[in-house]
Amino acid sequence: MLILFAAALPVLASGSGAPPQSVTLPTPRVEYRVNEASASRSPWIDGNGWQMLRAPGSTYFYDVGSDASASALACAEAFAYGAKAVVNAAGAAADSFHRMITFLEKLPAAGETGLANIGVIDDRSQESGELMNLLTRRNLLYRVVQAPDAGLDLNV
């Protein structure tokens, strides 16, 4: 059963299984990796924003189980990227989902196009996907374009 809160908001699925033709995504999370030596102490962010920017018309599916923080993160991520998403959550995770939706409903509507100063010409290769993943991880503002855009500072 799907409960639709608003057109731009993620929906909650009660039950298991991804909707037909949806893209299953891993739950967004932050990995601190305090037990590993690294060049920096910056946490590693596992997010899916680049996939949503790459295929904006797709429906995305998160299966978070009963993880309350994962439910809220998945909801916020889908909302931030304007993606159509279904979150499968149970128990405390469903409560967390509803609290996040209540918060998101209070935010003003975003514009049609997001801010960007980098254009990425996506050739659908793994390398392009990884480039978008790294740009997203660093919060660099980019847009997927079909050809170089003179209105952007950089086209890759």
N, C-alpha and C. Protein backbone atom coordinates (compact mmCIF):
# COMPACT_ATOMS: atom_id res chain seq x y z
N MET A 1 0.84 -1.17 0.00
CA MET A 1 0.00 0.00 0.00
C MET A 1 0.88 1.24 0.00
N LEU A 2 0.63 2.18 -0.89
CA LEU A 2 1.39 3.41 -0.97
C LEU A 2 0.55 4.56 -0.44
N ILE A 3 1.17 5.43 0.32
CA ILE A 3 0.49 6.60 0.82
C ILE A 3 1.17 7.80 0.18
N LEU A 4 0.47 8.55 -0.62
CA LEU A 4 1.04 9.70 -1.30
C LEU A 4 0.78 10.95 -0.49
N PHE A 5 1.85 11.63 -0.07
CA PHE A 5 1.70 12.83 0.73
C PHE A 5 1.61 14.07 -0.15
N ALA A 6 2.43 14.17 -1.14
CA ALA A 6 2.42 15.28 -2.08
C ALA A 6 3.23 14.86 -3.30
N ALA A 7 3.01 15.52 -4.41
CA ALA A 7 3.66 15.12 -5.65
C ALA A 7 5.18 15.09 -5.56
N ALA A 8 5.79 16.06 -4.85
CA ALA A 8 7.25 16.15 -4.80
C ALA A 8 7.85 15.39 -3.62
N LEU A 9 7.03 14.81 -2.78
CA LEU A 9 7.55 14.13 -1.59
C LEU A 9 7.63 12.63 -1.81
N PRO A 10 8.60 11.97 -1.17
CA PRO A 10 8.66 10.51 -1.24
C PRO A 10 7.40 9.89 -0.64
N VAL A 11 7.15 8.65 -0.98
CA VAL A 11 6.00 7.94 -0.43
C VAL A 11 6.49 6.77 0.40
N LEU A 12 5.62 6.31 1.28
CA LEU A 12 5.96 5.20 2.17
C LEU A 12 5.29 3.95 1.66
N ALA A 13 6.05 2.88 1.57
CA ALA A 13 5.50 1.58 1.16
C ALA A 13 5.38 0.73 2.40
N SER A 14 4.22 0.16 2.63
CA SER A 14 4.10 -0.79 3.73
C SER A 14 4.03 -2.16 3.10
N GLY A 15 5.04 -2.91 3.26
CA GLY A 15 5.16 -4.21 2.61
C GLY A 15 6.54 -4.30 2.00
N SER A 16 6.83 -5.41 1.41
CA SER A 16 8.17 -5.58 0.86
C SER A 16 8.12 -5.61 -0.65
N GLY A 17 9.26 -5.41 -1.22
CA GLY A 17 9.39 -5.47 -2.67
C GLY A 17 9.36 -4.09 -3.30
N ALA A 18 10.19 -3.95 -4.30
CA ALA A 18 10.28 -2.69 -5.02
C ALA A 18 9.15 -2.58 -6.04
N PRO A 19 8.66 -1.37 -6.28
CA PRO A 19 7.66 -1.19 -7.33
C PRO A 19 8.25 -1.60 -8.68
N PRO A 20 7.40 -2.01 -9.62
CA PRO A 20 7.90 -2.41 -10.94
C PRO A 20 8.69 -1.29 -11.60
N GLN A 21 9.77 -1.64 -12.24
CA GLN A 21 10.63 -0.74 -13.00
C GLN A 21 11.25 0.37 -12.15
N SER A 22 11.35 0.17 -10.85
CA SER A 22 12.02 1.16 -10.01
C SER A 22 13.50 0.79 -9.88
N VAL A 23 14.29 1.77 -9.51
CA VAL A 23 15.72 1.56 -9.29
C VAL A 23 15.95 1.45 -7.78
N THR A 24 16.45 0.30 -7.33
CA THR A 24 16.72 0.10 -5.91
C THR A 24 18.05 0.76 -5.56
N LEU A 25 18.02 1.59 -4.53
CA LEU A 25 19.20 2.33 -4.10
C LEU A 25 19.64 1.88 -2.72
N PRO A 26 20.94 1.93 -2.45
CA PRO A 26 21.38 1.67 -1.08
C PRO A 26 20.97 2.84 -0.19
N THR A 27 20.83 2.58 1.08
CA THR A 27 20.46 3.63 2.02
C THR A 27 21.60 4.64 2.14
N PRO A 28 21.30 5.95 2.05
CA PRO A 28 22.36 6.94 2.24
C PRO A 28 22.87 6.88 3.67
N ARG A 29 24.18 7.09 3.84
CA ARG A 29 24.75 7.05 5.17
C ARG A 29 26.12 7.75 5.18
N VAL A 30 26.60 7.99 6.37
CA VAL A 30 27.92 8.57 6.57
C VAL A 30 28.76 7.51 7.27
N GLU A 31 29.94 7.25 6.70
CA GLU A 31 30.87 6.30 7.32
C GLU A 31 32.05 7.09 7.86
N TYR A 32 32.26 6.98 9.15
CA TYR A 32 33.34 7.72 9.78
C TYR A 32 34.67 7.00 9.72
N ARG A 33 34.68 5.70 9.66
CA ARG A 33 35.89 4.88 9.50
C ARG A 33 37.02 5.32 10.43
N VAL A 34 36.70 5.44 11.71
CA VAL A 34 37.71 5.90 12.66
C VAL A 34 38.83 4.90 12.88
N ASN A 35 38.64 3.67 12.46
CA ASN A 35 39.67 2.65 12.67
C ASN A 35 40.60 2.48 11.47
N GLU A 36 40.50 3.38 10.47
CA GLU A 36 41.35 3.29 9.29
C GLU A 36 42.18 4.55 9.13
N ALA A 37 43.43 4.38 8.76
CA ALA A 37 44.28 5.53 8.46
C ALA A 37 43.85 6.12 7.13
N SER A 38 43.87 7.45 7.05
CA SER A 38 43.46 8.09 5.80
C SER A 38 44.17 9.43 5.67
N ALA A 39 44.09 9.99 4.48
CA ALA A 39 44.72 11.28 4.22
C ALA A 39 43.99 12.42 4.92
N SER A 40 42.72 12.22 5.22
CA SER A 40 41.96 13.26 5.91
C SER A 40 41.06 12.59 6.95
N ARG A 41 40.51 13.37 7.81
CA ARG A 41 39.59 12.85 8.82
C ARG A 41 38.15 13.09 8.38
N SER A 42 37.96 13.49 7.15
CA SER A 42 36.61 13.74 6.64
C SER A 42 35.83 12.44 6.54
N PRO A 43 34.57 12.47 6.95
CA PRO A 43 33.76 11.25 6.82
C PRO A 43 33.47 10.95 5.36
N TRP A 44 33.22 9.69 5.06
CA TRP A 44 32.89 9.24 3.71
C TRP A 44 31.38 9.20 3.60
N ILE A 45 30.82 9.91 2.63
CA ILE A 45 29.38 10.00 2.46
C ILE A 45 28.95 9.06 1.34
N ASP A 46 28.07 8.14 1.66
CA ASP A 46 27.49 7.24 0.66
C ASP A 46 26.11 7.76 0.33
N GLY A 47 26.00 8.41 -0.82
CA GLY A 47 24.73 8.99 -1.24
C GLY A 47 24.38 8.57 -2.66
N ASN A 48 23.17 8.89 -3.08
CA ASN A 48 22.67 8.47 -4.38
C ASN A 48 22.26 9.63 -5.28
N GLY A 49 22.59 10.84 -4.87
CA GLY A 49 22.16 12.01 -5.64
C GLY A 49 22.57 11.98 -7.09
N TRP A 50 23.78 11.50 -7.36
CA TRP A 50 24.26 11.46 -8.74
C TRP A 50 23.38 10.57 -9.61
N GLN A 51 22.87 9.47 -9.05
CA GLN A 51 22.00 8.59 -9.83
C GLN A 51 20.67 9.29 -10.15
N MET A 52 20.18 10.08 -9.20
CA MET A 52 18.93 10.80 -9.41
C MET A 52 19.10 11.90 -10.44
N LEU A 53 20.27 12.55 -10.45
CA LEU A 53 20.53 13.57 -11.46
C LEU A 53 20.74 12.94 -12.84
N ARG A 54 21.29 11.75 -12.87
CA ARG A 54 21.55 11.06 -14.13
C ARG A 54 20.26 10.60 -14.80
N ALA A 55 19.29 10.17 -14.02
CA ALA A 55 18.02 9.67 -14.55
C ALA A 55 16.86 10.27 -13.76
N PRO A 56 16.56 11.56 -13.99
CA PRO A 56 15.57 12.25 -13.17
C PRO A 56 14.14 11.73 -13.30
N GLY A 57 13.79 11.05 -14.35
CA GLY A 57 12.44 10.56 -14.53
C GLY A 57 12.17 9.20 -13.90
N SER A 58 13.18 8.59 -13.31
CA SER A 58 13.04 7.25 -12.75
C SER A 58 12.35 7.30 -11.39
N THR A 59 11.82 6.15 -10.99
CA THR A 59 11.30 5.97 -9.64
C THR A 59 12.35 5.19 -8.86
N TYR A 60 12.64 5.65 -7.64
CA TYR A 60 13.68 5.05 -6.83
C TYR A 60 13.07 4.37 -5.61
N PHE A 61 13.72 3.30 -5.16
CA PHE A 61 13.21 2.51 -4.04
C PHE A 61 14.30 2.32 -3.01
N TYR A 62 13.95 2.63 -1.76
CA TYR A 62 14.84 2.39 -0.61
C TYR A 62 14.18 1.36 0.29
N ASP A 63 14.91 0.35 0.68
CA ASP A 63 14.41 -0.62 1.66
C ASP A 63 15.22 -0.42 2.93
N VAL A 64 14.66 0.34 3.87
CA VAL A 64 15.41 0.70 5.08
C VAL A 64 15.07 -0.18 6.28
N GLY A 65 14.09 -1.04 6.14
CA GLY A 65 13.71 -1.92 7.24
C GLY A 65 13.21 -1.12 8.43
N SER A 66 13.81 -1.33 9.59
CA SER A 66 13.37 -0.62 10.80
C SER A 66 14.40 0.41 11.26
N ASP A 67 15.34 0.78 10.39
CA ASP A 67 16.38 1.76 10.72
C ASP A 67 15.81 3.17 10.61
N ALA A 68 15.52 3.79 11.76
CA ALA A 68 14.86 5.09 11.79
C ALA A 68 15.69 6.19 11.14
N SER A 69 16.99 6.23 11.40
CA SER A 69 17.81 7.28 10.80
C SER A 69 17.93 7.10 9.29
N ALA A 70 17.99 5.86 8.83
CA ALA A 70 18.07 5.60 7.39
C ALA A 70 16.80 6.04 6.69
N SER A 71 15.68 5.86 7.33
CA SER A 71 14.39 6.27 6.76
C SER A 71 14.36 7.78 6.53
N ALA A 72 14.78 8.53 7.54
CA ALA A 72 14.79 9.99 7.42
C ALA A 72 15.79 10.45 6.36
N LEU A 73 16.97 9.83 6.33
CA LEU A 73 17.97 10.21 5.33
C LEU A 73 17.50 9.92 3.91
N ALA A 74 16.89 8.77 3.71
CA ALA A 74 16.40 8.42 2.38
C ALA A 74 15.34 9.41 1.92
N CYS A 75 14.45 9.75 2.81
CA CYS A 75 13.39 10.71 2.51
C CYS A 75 13.97 12.08 2.15
N ALA A 76 14.91 12.55 2.96
CA ALA A 76 15.53 13.85 2.72
C ALA A 76 16.33 13.85 1.42
N GLU A 77 17.04 12.77 1.13
CA GLU A 77 17.83 12.71 -0.10
C GLU A 77 16.93 12.78 -1.33
N ALA A 78 15.88 11.99 -1.35
CA ALA A 78 14.96 12.00 -2.49
C ALA A 78 14.35 13.37 -2.67
N PHE A 79 13.95 14.00 -1.57
CA PHE A 79 13.36 15.33 -1.64
C PHE A 79 14.36 16.36 -2.16
N ALA A 80 15.59 16.30 -1.67
CA ALA A 80 16.63 17.26 -2.07
C ALA A 80 16.91 17.22 -3.56
N TYR A 81 16.80 16.03 -4.15
CA TYR A 81 17.08 15.88 -5.57
C TYR A 81 15.82 15.88 -6.42
N GLY A 82 14.68 16.10 -5.82
CA GLY A 82 13.42 16.16 -6.56
C GLY A 82 13.06 14.84 -7.21
N ALA A 83 13.46 13.73 -6.59
CA ALA A 83 13.24 12.42 -7.19
C ALA A 83 11.94 11.80 -6.70
N LYS A 84 11.35 11.00 -7.56
CA LYS A 84 10.18 10.22 -7.19
C LYS A 84 10.70 8.97 -6.47
N ALA A 85 10.34 8.81 -5.19
CA ALA A 85 10.92 7.73 -4.41
C ALA A 85 9.87 7.06 -3.54
N VAL A 86 10.11 5.77 -3.31
CA VAL A 86 9.29 4.95 -2.41
C VAL A 86 10.24 4.43 -1.34
N VAL A 87 9.85 4.60 -0.08
CA VAL A 87 10.67 4.14 1.04
C VAL A 87 9.92 3.03 1.76
N ASN A 88 10.53 1.86 1.82
CA ASN A 88 9.94 0.74 2.55
C ASN A 88 10.50 0.78 3.97
N ALA A 89 9.63 1.09 4.94
CA ALA A 89 10.06 1.25 6.32
C ALA A 89 9.05 0.61 7.24
N ALA A 90 9.53 0.15 8.39
CA ALA A 90 8.65 -0.50 9.37
C ALA A 90 8.95 0.04 10.76
N GLY A 91 7.95 0.01 11.62
CA GLY A 91 8.12 0.38 13.02
C GLY A 91 8.62 1.79 13.22
N ALA A 92 9.73 1.93 13.96
CA ALA A 92 10.30 3.24 14.26
C ALA A 92 10.73 3.97 12.99
N ALA A 93 11.12 3.22 11.97
CA ALA A 93 11.53 3.85 10.71
C ALA A 93 10.35 4.53 10.03
N ALA A 94 9.17 3.95 10.11
CA ALA A 94 7.97 4.57 9.54
C ALA A 94 7.62 5.84 10.30
N ASP A 95 7.77 5.82 11.62
CA ASP A 95 7.53 7.02 12.42
C ASP A 95 8.52 8.12 12.04
N SER A 96 9.78 7.76 11.86
CA SER A 96 10.81 8.71 11.46
C SER A 96 10.50 9.29 10.07
N PHE A 97 10.03 8.42 9.17
CA PHE A 97 9.64 8.86 7.83
C PHE A 97 8.55 9.93 7.93
N HIS A 98 7.53 9.69 8.74
CA HIS A 98 6.41 10.64 8.88
C HIS A 98 6.88 11.96 9.48
N ARG A 99 7.81 11.92 10.44
CA ARG A 99 8.33 13.16 11.02
C ARG A 99 9.11 13.94 9.97
N MET A 100 9.88 13.24 9.12
CA MET A 100 10.64 13.93 8.08
C MET A 100 9.69 14.55 7.04
N ILE A 101 8.65 13.83 6.67
CA ILE A 101 7.67 14.37 5.72
C ILE A 101 7.00 15.61 6.29
N THR A 102 6.64 15.57 7.56
CA THR A 102 6.03 16.74 8.22
C THR A 102 6.97 17.94 8.13
N PHE A 103 8.26 17.73 8.34
CA PHE A 103 9.25 18.79 8.22
C PHE A 103 9.35 19.29 6.77
N LEU A 104 9.46 18.37 5.83
CA LEU A 104 9.64 18.75 4.42
C LEU A 104 8.43 19.49 3.86
N GLU A 105 7.26 19.16 4.33
CA GLU A 105 6.04 19.84 3.86
C GLU A 105 6.05 21.32 4.20
N LYS A 106 6.80 21.71 5.20
CA LYS A 106 6.86 23.11 5.63
C LYS A 106 7.85 23.94 4.81
N LEU A 107 8.69 23.28 4.03
CA LEU A 107 9.70 23.99 3.24
C LEU A 107 9.07 24.61 1.99
N PRO A 108 9.58 25.76 1.56
CA PRO A 108 9.05 26.36 0.34
C PRO A 108 9.41 25.52 -0.89
N ALA A 109 8.60 25.61 -1.91
CA ALA A 109 8.84 24.86 -3.14
C ALA A 109 10.12 25.35 -3.80
N ALA A 110 10.87 24.42 -4.36
CA ALA A 110 12.11 24.76 -5.06
C ALA A 110 11.80 25.14 -6.50
N GLY A 111 12.74 25.81 -7.15
CA GLY A 111 12.57 26.17 -8.55
C GLY A 111 12.68 24.96 -9.46
N GLU A 112 12.42 25.18 -10.72
CA GLU A 112 12.47 24.09 -11.70
C GLU A 112 13.87 23.54 -11.89
N THR A 113 14.85 24.41 -11.97
CA THR A 113 16.23 23.95 -12.16
C THR A 113 17.07 24.36 -10.97
N GLY A 114 17.92 23.46 -10.55
CA GLY A 114 18.79 23.75 -9.42
C GLY A 114 19.97 24.61 -9.85
N LEU A 115 20.62 25.19 -8.88
CA LEU A 115 21.81 25.99 -9.15
C LEU A 115 22.94 25.08 -9.59
N ALA A 116 23.72 25.55 -10.53
CA ALA A 116 24.87 24.76 -11.00
C ALA A 116 25.86 25.70 -11.67
N ASN A 117 27.13 25.36 -11.56
CA ASN A 117 28.15 26.07 -12.33
C ASN A 117 29.04 25.10 -13.11
N ILE A 118 28.72 23.81 -13.03
CA ILE A 118 29.45 22.79 -13.78
C ILE A 118 28.45 21.99 -14.60
N GLY A 119 28.77 21.77 -15.85
CA GLY A 119 27.95 20.91 -16.71
C GLY A 119 28.67 19.60 -16.95
N VAL A 120 27.98 18.49 -16.78
CA VAL A 120 28.56 17.17 -17.02
C VAL A 120 27.84 16.55 -18.21
N ILE A 121 28.60 16.28 -19.26
CA ILE A 121 28.05 15.60 -20.42
C ILE A 121 28.15 14.11 -20.13
N ASP A 122 27.01 13.50 -19.86
CA ASP A 122 26.97 12.11 -19.42
C ASP A 122 26.92 11.18 -20.61
N ASP A 123 27.97 10.38 -20.80
CA ASP A 123 27.98 9.39 -21.88
C ASP A 123 27.52 8.01 -21.39
N ARG A 124 26.97 7.97 -20.16
CA ARG A 124 26.44 6.76 -19.52
C ARG A 124 27.53 5.74 -19.16
N SER A 125 28.78 6.16 -19.19
CA SER A 125 29.87 5.25 -18.83
C SER A 125 30.02 5.20 -17.30
N GLN A 126 30.75 4.20 -16.83
CA GLN A 126 31.04 4.10 -15.40
C GLN A 126 31.87 5.29 -14.93
N GLU A 127 32.75 5.76 -15.80
CA GLU A 127 33.59 6.89 -15.45
C GLU A 127 32.76 8.16 -15.24
N SER A 128 31.79 8.38 -16.11
CA SER A 128 30.90 9.54 -15.94
C SER A 128 30.11 9.42 -14.64
N GLY A 129 29.63 8.23 -14.35
CA GLY A 129 28.90 8.00 -13.11
C GLY A 129 29.76 8.28 -11.89
N GLU A 130 31.01 7.83 -11.92
CA GLU A 130 31.90 8.07 -10.80
C GLU A 130 32.24 9.55 -10.66
N LEU A 131 32.40 10.25 -11.79
CA LEU A 131 32.63 11.69 -11.75
C LEU A 131 31.46 12.38 -11.05
N MET A 132 30.24 12.04 -11.43
CA MET A 132 29.07 12.65 -10.80
C MET A 132 28.98 12.28 -9.33
N ASN A 133 29.34 11.05 -8.99
CA ASN A 133 29.35 10.61 -7.59
C ASN A 133 30.31 11.48 -6.77
N LEU A 134 31.52 11.72 -7.29
CA LEU A 134 32.51 12.51 -6.57
C LEU A 134 32.10 13.98 -6.48
N LEU A 135 31.53 14.52 -7.55
CA LEU A 135 31.05 15.91 -7.50
C LEU A 135 29.95 16.06 -6.46
N THR A 136 29.03 15.10 -6.42
CA THR A 136 27.94 15.13 -5.45
C THR A 136 28.49 15.01 -4.04
N ARG A 137 29.42 14.10 -3.84
CA ARG A 137 30.00 13.88 -2.51
C ARG A 137 30.65 15.16 -1.98
N ARG A 138 31.23 15.95 -2.86
CA ARG A 138 31.89 17.21 -2.47
C ARG A 138 30.94 18.41 -2.51
N ASN A 139 29.67 18.16 -2.75
CA ASN A 139 28.66 19.22 -2.81
C ASN A 139 28.98 20.28 -3.87
N LEU A 140 29.57 19.85 -4.97
CA LEU A 140 29.82 20.75 -6.09
C LEU A 140 28.57 20.77 -6.95
N LEU A 141 28.16 21.95 -7.36
CA LEU A 141 26.89 22.13 -8.06
C LEU A 141 27.06 21.88 -9.55
N TYR A 142 26.44 20.81 -10.03
CA TYR A 142 26.54 20.47 -11.44
C TYR A 142 25.17 20.10 -11.98
N ARG A 143 25.09 20.09 -13.30
CA ARG A 143 23.88 19.72 -14.01
C ARG A 143 24.28 18.77 -15.13
N VAL A 144 23.49 17.74 -15.36
CA VAL A 144 23.73 16.84 -16.49
C VAL A 144 23.22 17.54 -17.75
N VAL A 145 24.10 17.69 -18.74
CA VAL A 145 23.76 18.37 -19.99
C VAL A 145 24.05 17.46 -21.17
N GLN A 146 23.40 17.73 -22.28
CA GLN A 146 23.60 16.94 -23.51
C GLN A 146 24.77 17.47 -24.34
N ALA A 147 25.03 18.76 -24.21
CA ALA A 147 26.11 19.42 -24.96
C ALA A 147 26.66 20.53 -24.07
N PRO A 148 27.87 21.04 -24.36
CA PRO A 148 28.41 22.13 -23.54
C PRO A 148 27.44 23.30 -23.44
N ASP A 149 27.32 23.83 -22.22
CA ASP A 149 26.40 24.93 -21.93
C ASP A 149 27.23 26.17 -21.63
N ALA A 150 27.13 27.19 -22.51
CA ALA A 150 27.92 28.42 -22.34
C ALA A 150 27.56 29.18 -21.07
N GLY A 151 26.40 28.91 -20.49
CA GLY A 151 25.98 29.59 -19.28
C GLY A 151 26.61 29.02 -18.02
N LEU A 152 27.36 27.94 -18.16
CA LEU A 152 28.02 27.33 -17.00
C LEU A 152 29.51 27.67 -17.02
N ASP A 153 30.12 27.71 -15.87
CA ASP A 153 31.54 28.06 -15.78
C ASP A 153 32.47 26.98 -16.32
N LEU A 154 32.05 25.72 -16.24
CA LEU A 154 32.88 24.60 -16.64
C LEU A 154 32.01 23.50 -17.21
N ASN A 155 32.44 22.91 -18.32
CA ASN A 155 31.75 21.75 -18.90
C ASN A 155 32.73 20.59 -18.97
N VAL A 156 32.32 19.43 -18.46
CA VAL A 156 33.20 18.26 -18.43
C VAL A 156 32.57 17.19 -19.28
